[in-house]
Amino acid sequence: MSMLGQRVATAVVLLALLVPALFAPVNWPFDVLTLVLIAAAGWEWGRLNQLRMGPSLGLGAGLALACVAALLGGWSVQPPPVVWWLAAAVWVLGGAVALRSGPALWPQLPRLARLALGLAALWAAWLAMSHARGMGINFILSVFCLVWVADIAAYFGGRRFGKRKLAPTISPGKSWEGVYSGLAGVFILTLVWRALESRAGADSLSLYGRLVEHLGLLGGLAALAFLVGMSVVGDLMESLVKRAVGAKDSSQLLPGHGGVLDRVDALLPVFPLSLALLSL
């Protein structure tokens, strides 16, 4: 099978699993599916940080148990807001230092610190996704679509207009023009989504509607711009780690797509940071 055929087949399988879990009348199918995926991402994180197969599997299992503990403790329903703000601090401050320093800094950090940072980010992202699913299908879909539209618009905008490199030592293909295209795509998405949800009687208010409700129009647009920027940071951070260790993909778990981390990197900061902004 060609690479394109593998990508399409894998995407179809993933959608066949995700869509029923997402639209199920109860939360647990979505929680279980995302738990499996986040545990696989934990295993990939161990491998990217030079752990052998056994310890990496243990890392993924430990991450899964931490997620289950949060679920049983009721945190997916009523999570402490401090979790989102701690995640925001790690992503904003840690991301700024890492991206400024480039791939050379990453291997110099103690392995335990690298492992802990990755596991904390994955755990917070899973908890945020579980909580977002409980807030309503319209809400969680709006978060997913923010990241997807930003990525797609950035790809095509970068190919068409890209001239100024964003982070040449980390991801040479990304450009500032791509970032601006992604931002424009999300602003257009916001206008369309708000118009449709006001007429369709959605089960919940979208992220876009909630941000405007909480922060006003200008504040909501600024928050969306911030989230688009953080989706780029999530993508760049994974690229930085892979470049630092000489890996092309996080794994080969998803034929034609690479690994789970390759598919969720931009989502990891956006979910917890969205909830942090809504807690203001």
Protein backbone atom coordinates (compact mmCIF):
# COMPACT_ATOMS: atom_id res chain seq x y z
CA MET A 1 0.00 0.00 0.00
CA SER A 2 1.26 3.49 -0.88
CA MET A 3 1.99 6.11 1.77
CA LEU A 4 -1.16 8.01 0.78
CA GLY A 5 -3.20 4.81 1.01
CA GLN A 6 -1.81 4.14 4.48
CA ARG A 7 -2.64 7.68 5.62
CA VAL A 8 -6.20 7.44 4.34
CA ALA A 9 -6.78 3.97 5.81
CA THR A 10 -5.43 5.00 9.21
CA ALA A 11 -7.49 8.20 9.21
CA VAL A 12 -10.66 6.23 8.40
CA VAL A 13 -10.01 3.79 11.26
CA LEU A 14 -9.31 6.61 13.72
CA LEU A 15 -12.48 8.45 12.71
CA ALA A 16 -14.48 5.24 12.99
CA LEU A 17 -13.32 5.00 16.61
CA LEU A 18 -13.44 8.68 17.53
CA VAL A 19 -16.84 9.71 16.15
CA PRO A 20 -18.97 7.09 18.00
CA ALA A 21 -17.01 7.68 21.21
CA LEU A 22 -17.39 11.44 20.92
CA PHE A 23 -21.15 11.34 20.26
CA ALA A 24 -21.98 8.57 22.74
CA PRO A 25 -24.66 9.55 25.29
CA VAL A 26 -22.18 8.94 28.13
CA ASN A 27 -18.58 10.07 28.64
CA TRP A 28 -16.79 6.78 29.29
CA PRO A 29 -16.26 5.62 25.64
CA PHE A 30 -14.44 8.87 24.89
CA ASP A 31 -12.50 8.68 28.15
CA VAL A 32 -11.38 5.11 27.41
CA LEU A 33 -10.37 5.82 23.81
CA THR A 34 -8.38 8.93 24.69
CA LEU A 35 -6.85 7.11 27.68
CA VAL A 36 -5.48 4.41 25.36
CA LEU A 37 -4.09 7.04 22.99
CA ILE A 38 -2.51 9.11 25.78
CA ALA A 39 -0.92 5.98 27.28
CA ALA A 40 0.55 5.21 23.84
CA ALA A 41 1.87 8.77 23.72
CA GLY A 42 3.47 8.19 27.13
CA TRP A 43 5.24 5.12 25.74
CA GLU A 44 6.44 7.18 22.76
CA TRP A 45 7.71 9.86 25.13
CA GLY A 46 9.82 7.31 26.94
CA ARG A 47 11.29 6.06 23.67
CA LEU A 48 12.07 9.62 22.53
CA ASN A 49 13.97 10.11 25.77
CA GLN A 50 16.14 7.01 25.24
CA LEU A 51 14.31 4.61 27.55
CA ARG A 52 14.23 0.96 26.56
CA MET A 53 11.04 -0.83 25.61
CA GLY A 54 10.19 -2.14 29.10
CA PRO A 55 10.61 1.14 30.99
CA SER A 56 8.77 2.99 28.20
CA LEU A 57 5.82 0.61 28.50
CA GLY A 58 5.89 1.15 32.25
CA LEU A 59 5.84 4.90 31.67
CA GLY A 60 2.74 4.61 29.49
CA ALA A 61 1.04 2.35 32.03
CA GLY A 62 1.89 4.71 34.88
CA LEU A 63 0.45 7.64 32.93
CA ALA A 64 -2.75 5.67 32.30
CA LEU A 65 -3.06 4.91 36.02
CA ALA A 66 -2.59 8.59 36.88
CA CYS A 67 -5.40 9.46 34.46
CA VAL A 68 -7.67 6.79 35.96
CA ALA A 69 -6.91 8.10 39.46
CA ALA A 70 -7.96 11.60 38.38
CA LEU A 71 -11.12 10.17 36.84
CA LEU A 72 -12.04 8.21 39.97
CA GLY A 73 -11.29 11.25 42.10
CA GLY A 74 -13.90 13.25 40.19
CA TRP A 75 -11.39 15.64 38.64
CA SER A 76 -12.81 15.18 35.14
CA VAL A 77 -16.07 16.67 36.45
CA GLN A 78 -14.71 19.27 38.89
CA PRO A 79 -10.99 19.77 38.22
CA PRO A 80 -9.07 22.26 40.35
CA PRO A 81 -8.47 25.37 38.17
CA VAL A 82 -4.88 25.44 39.43
CA VAL A 83 -4.17 22.42 37.21
CA TRP A 84 -4.85 24.49 34.09
CA TRP A 85 -2.76 27.40 35.30
CA LEU A 86 0.18 25.17 36.19
CA ALA A 87 -0.05 23.66 32.70
CA ALA A 88 -0.19 27.17 31.25
CA ALA A 89 2.93 28.21 33.16
CA VAL A 90 4.85 25.15 31.97
CA TRP A 91 3.81 25.60 28.35
CA VAL A 92 4.33 29.35 28.15
CA LEU A 93 7.52 29.72 30.18
CA GLY A 94 9.06 26.33 29.38
CA GLY A 95 8.10 26.60 25.73
CA ALA A 96 9.66 30.07 25.44
CA VAL A 97 12.96 28.90 26.97
CA ALA A 98 13.10 25.70 24.91
CA LEU A 99 12.26 27.36 21.59
CA ARG A 100 14.71 30.19 22.22
CA SER A 101 17.52 27.75 23.06
CA GLY A 102 16.81 25.28 20.25
CA PRO A 103 17.40 21.52 20.06
CA ALA A 104 20.86 21.69 21.62
CA LEU A 105 19.50 22.42 25.11
CA TRP A 106 17.08 19.50 25.33
CA PRO A 107 19.59 16.62 25.76
CA GLN A 108 21.41 18.63 28.44
CA LEU A 109 18.40 18.58 30.76
CA PRO A 110 18.28 15.71 33.29
CA ARG A 111 16.35 12.78 31.85
CA LEU A 112 14.06 12.65 34.87
CA ALA A 113 13.06 16.29 34.32
CA ARG A 114 12.39 15.65 30.63
CA LEU A 115 10.25 12.62 31.41
CA ALA A 116 8.31 14.44 34.14
CA LEU A 117 7.57 17.46 31.95
CA GLY A 118 6.23 15.30 29.14
CA LEU A 119 4.10 13.12 31.40
CA ALA A 120 2.65 16.16 33.19
CA ALA A 121 1.73 17.74 29.84
CA LEU A 122 0.07 14.54 28.62
CA TRP A 123 -1.83 14.04 31.88
CA ALA A 124 -3.11 17.62 31.94
CA ALA A 125 -4.16 17.38 28.28
CA TRP A 126 -6.09 14.14 28.88
CA LEU A 127 -7.83 15.59 31.94
CA ALA A 128 -8.74 18.71 29.97
CA MET A 129 -10.16 16.63 27.10
CA SER A 130 -12.23 14.53 29.50
CA HIS A 131 -13.58 17.66 31.21
CA ALA A 132 -14.25 19.35 27.86
CA ARG A 133 -16.29 16.33 26.72
CA GLY A 134 -18.44 16.73 29.82
CA MET A 135 -18.99 20.41 28.94
CA GLY A 136 -20.74 19.42 25.73
CA ILE A 137 -20.07 18.07 22.25
CA ASN A 138 -20.29 21.51 20.65
CA PHE A 139 -17.67 22.80 23.07
CA ILE A 140 -15.13 20.02 22.62
CA LEU A 141 -15.59 20.00 18.83
CA SER A 142 -14.88 23.73 18.74
CA VAL A 143 -11.55 23.16 20.53
CA PHE A 144 -10.57 20.35 18.18
CA CYS A 145 -11.54 22.40 15.14
CA LEU A 146 -9.58 25.44 16.32
CA VAL A 147 -6.39 23.36 16.23
CA TRP A 148 -7.23 21.56 12.99
CA VAL A 149 -8.22 24.70 11.10
CA ALA A 150 -5.18 26.60 12.37
CA ASP A 151 -2.93 23.76 11.20
CA ILE A 152 -4.56 23.40 7.77
CA ALA A 153 -4.69 27.14 7.10
CA ALA A 154 -1.07 27.52 8.24
CA TYR A 155 0.02 24.72 5.90
CA PHE A 156 -1.60 26.17 2.80
CA GLY A 157 -0.84 29.78 3.72
CA GLY A 158 2.78 28.90 4.38
CA ARG A 159 3.12 27.09 1.06
CA ARG A 160 1.58 30.00 -0.83
CA PHE A 161 3.01 33.02 0.98
CA GLY A 162 5.75 31.70 3.29
CA LYS A 163 8.99 33.67 3.15
CA ARG A 164 10.11 34.43 6.71
CA LYS A 165 11.14 31.30 8.61
CA LEU A 166 9.52 30.87 12.02
CA ALA A 167 12.00 28.49 13.66
CA PRO A 168 14.55 27.32 11.07
CA THR A 169 16.63 25.25 13.50
CA ILE A 170 13.57 23.35 14.71
CA SER A 171 11.10 23.12 11.84
CA PRO A 172 12.43 24.70 8.62
CA GLY A 173 9.10 24.38 6.82
CA LYS A 174 7.18 26.71 9.14
CA SER A 175 6.89 30.42 8.41
CA TRP A 176 5.43 33.51 10.02
CA GLU A 177 3.08 33.84 7.06
CA GLY A 178 1.78 30.36 7.89
CA VAL A 179 1.07 31.44 11.47
CA TYR A 180 -0.84 34.50 10.25
CA SER A 181 -2.80 32.32 7.83
CA GLY A 182 -3.69 29.95 10.66
CA LEU A 183 -4.85 32.88 12.78
CA ALA A 184 -7.00 34.24 9.93
CA GLY A 185 -8.50 30.78 9.42
CA VAL A 186 -9.49 30.55 13.10
CA PHE A 187 -11.05 34.04 13.09
CA ILE A 188 -13.16 33.07 10.06
CA LEU A 189 -14.06 29.78 11.76
CA THR A 190 -15.15 31.71 14.84
CA LEU A 191 -17.52 33.93 12.86
CA VAL A 192 -19.06 30.98 11.01
CA TRP A 193 -19.34 28.81 14.12
CA ARG A 194 -20.97 31.56 16.18
CA ALA A 195 -23.51 32.23 13.44
CA LEU A 196 -24.39 28.55 13.10
CA GLU A 197 -24.57 27.67 16.79
CA SER A 198 -26.92 30.56 17.50
CA ARG A 199 -29.40 29.04 15.03
CA ALA A 200 -28.83 25.32 15.45
CA GLY A 201 -29.64 24.99 19.15
CA ALA A 202 -26.34 23.32 20.08
CA ASP A 203 -26.07 21.24 23.24
CA SER A 204 -23.52 23.67 24.70
CA LEU A 205 -21.79 26.96 23.99
CA SER A 206 -18.62 26.69 21.93
CA LEU A 207 -15.16 27.75 23.09
CA TYR A 208 -15.52 30.84 20.88
CA GLY A 209 -18.83 31.84 22.44
CA ARG A 210 -17.57 31.21 25.97
CA LEU A 211 -14.41 33.27 25.47
CA VAL A 212 -16.40 36.23 24.15
CA GLU A 213 -18.91 35.83 26.99
CA HIS A 214 -16.13 35.73 29.60
CA LEU A 215 -13.69 38.26 28.14
CA GLY A 216 -15.65 40.44 25.73
CA LEU A 217 -15.16 40.58 21.96
CA LEU A 218 -11.62 41.98 21.90
CA GLY A 219 -10.55 39.85 24.85
CA GLY A 220 -12.04 36.74 23.22
CA LEU A 221 -10.23 37.38 19.94
CA ALA A 222 -6.97 37.99 21.83
CA ALA A 223 -7.48 34.70 23.70
CA LEU A 224 -8.07 32.86 20.42
CA ALA A 225 -4.90 34.38 18.98
CA PHE A 226 -3.03 33.18 22.06
CA LEU A 227 -4.41 29.64 21.65
CA VAL A 228 -3.43 29.56 17.98
CA GLY A 229 0.08 30.60 18.99
CA MET A 230 0.22 27.89 21.64
CA SER A 231 -0.90 25.25 19.13
CA VAL A 232 2.17 26.23 17.10
CA VAL A 233 4.32 25.98 20.24
CA GLY A 234 3.01 22.45 20.89
CA ASP A 235 3.91 21.44 17.34
CA LEU A 236 7.35 23.05 17.55
CA MET A 237 8.12 21.48 20.92
CA GLU A 238 7.61 17.98 19.58
CA SER A 239 9.68 18.84 16.50
CA LEU A 240 12.42 20.16 18.80
CA VAL A 241 12.54 16.92 20.80
CA LYS A 242 12.58 14.75 17.67
CA ARG A 243 15.33 16.87 16.09
CA ALA A 244 17.36 16.73 19.32
CA VAL A 245 17.34 12.90 19.30
CA GLY A 246 17.44 12.44 15.52
CA ALA A 247 13.95 10.92 15.18
CA LYS A 248 11.68 11.48 12.18
CA ASP A 249 8.47 10.37 13.92
CA SER A 250 7.50 9.71 17.52
CA SER A 251 6.76 6.07 16.53
CA GLN A 252 5.15 4.03 13.76
CA LEU A 253 1.94 3.21 15.64
CA LEU A 254 -0.21 5.02 13.06
CA PRO A 255 0.82 3.86 9.56
CA GLY A 256 1.29 6.81 7.23
CA HIS A 257 0.99 9.30 10.11
CA GLY A 258 3.86 8.40 12.45
CA GLY A 259 2.98 8.22 16.11
CA VAL A 260 0.28 9.48 18.45
CA LEU A 261 2.41 12.44 19.55
CA ASP A 262 2.80 13.44 15.91
CA ARG A 263 -0.98 13.77 15.68
CA VAL A 264 -1.79 15.39 19.03
CA ASP A 265 1.20 17.69 19.66
CA ALA A 266 -0.71 20.88 18.84
CA LEU A 267 -3.68 19.79 20.96
CA LEU A 268 -1.64 19.23 24.12
CA PRO A 269 -1.32 22.90 25.19
CA VAL A 270 -4.60 24.12 23.70
CA PHE A 271 -7.03 22.05 25.79
CA PRO A 272 -5.70 22.95 29.27
CA LEU A 273 -4.97 26.55 28.28
CA SER A 274 -8.52 26.96 26.91
CA LEU A 275 -9.88 25.93 30.31
CA ALA A 276 -7.42 28.23 32.08
CA LEU A 277 -8.71 31.20 30.07
CA LEU A 278 -12.31 30.25 30.83
CA SER A 279 -11.54 30.18 34.54
CA LEU A 280 -10.63 33.87 34.53
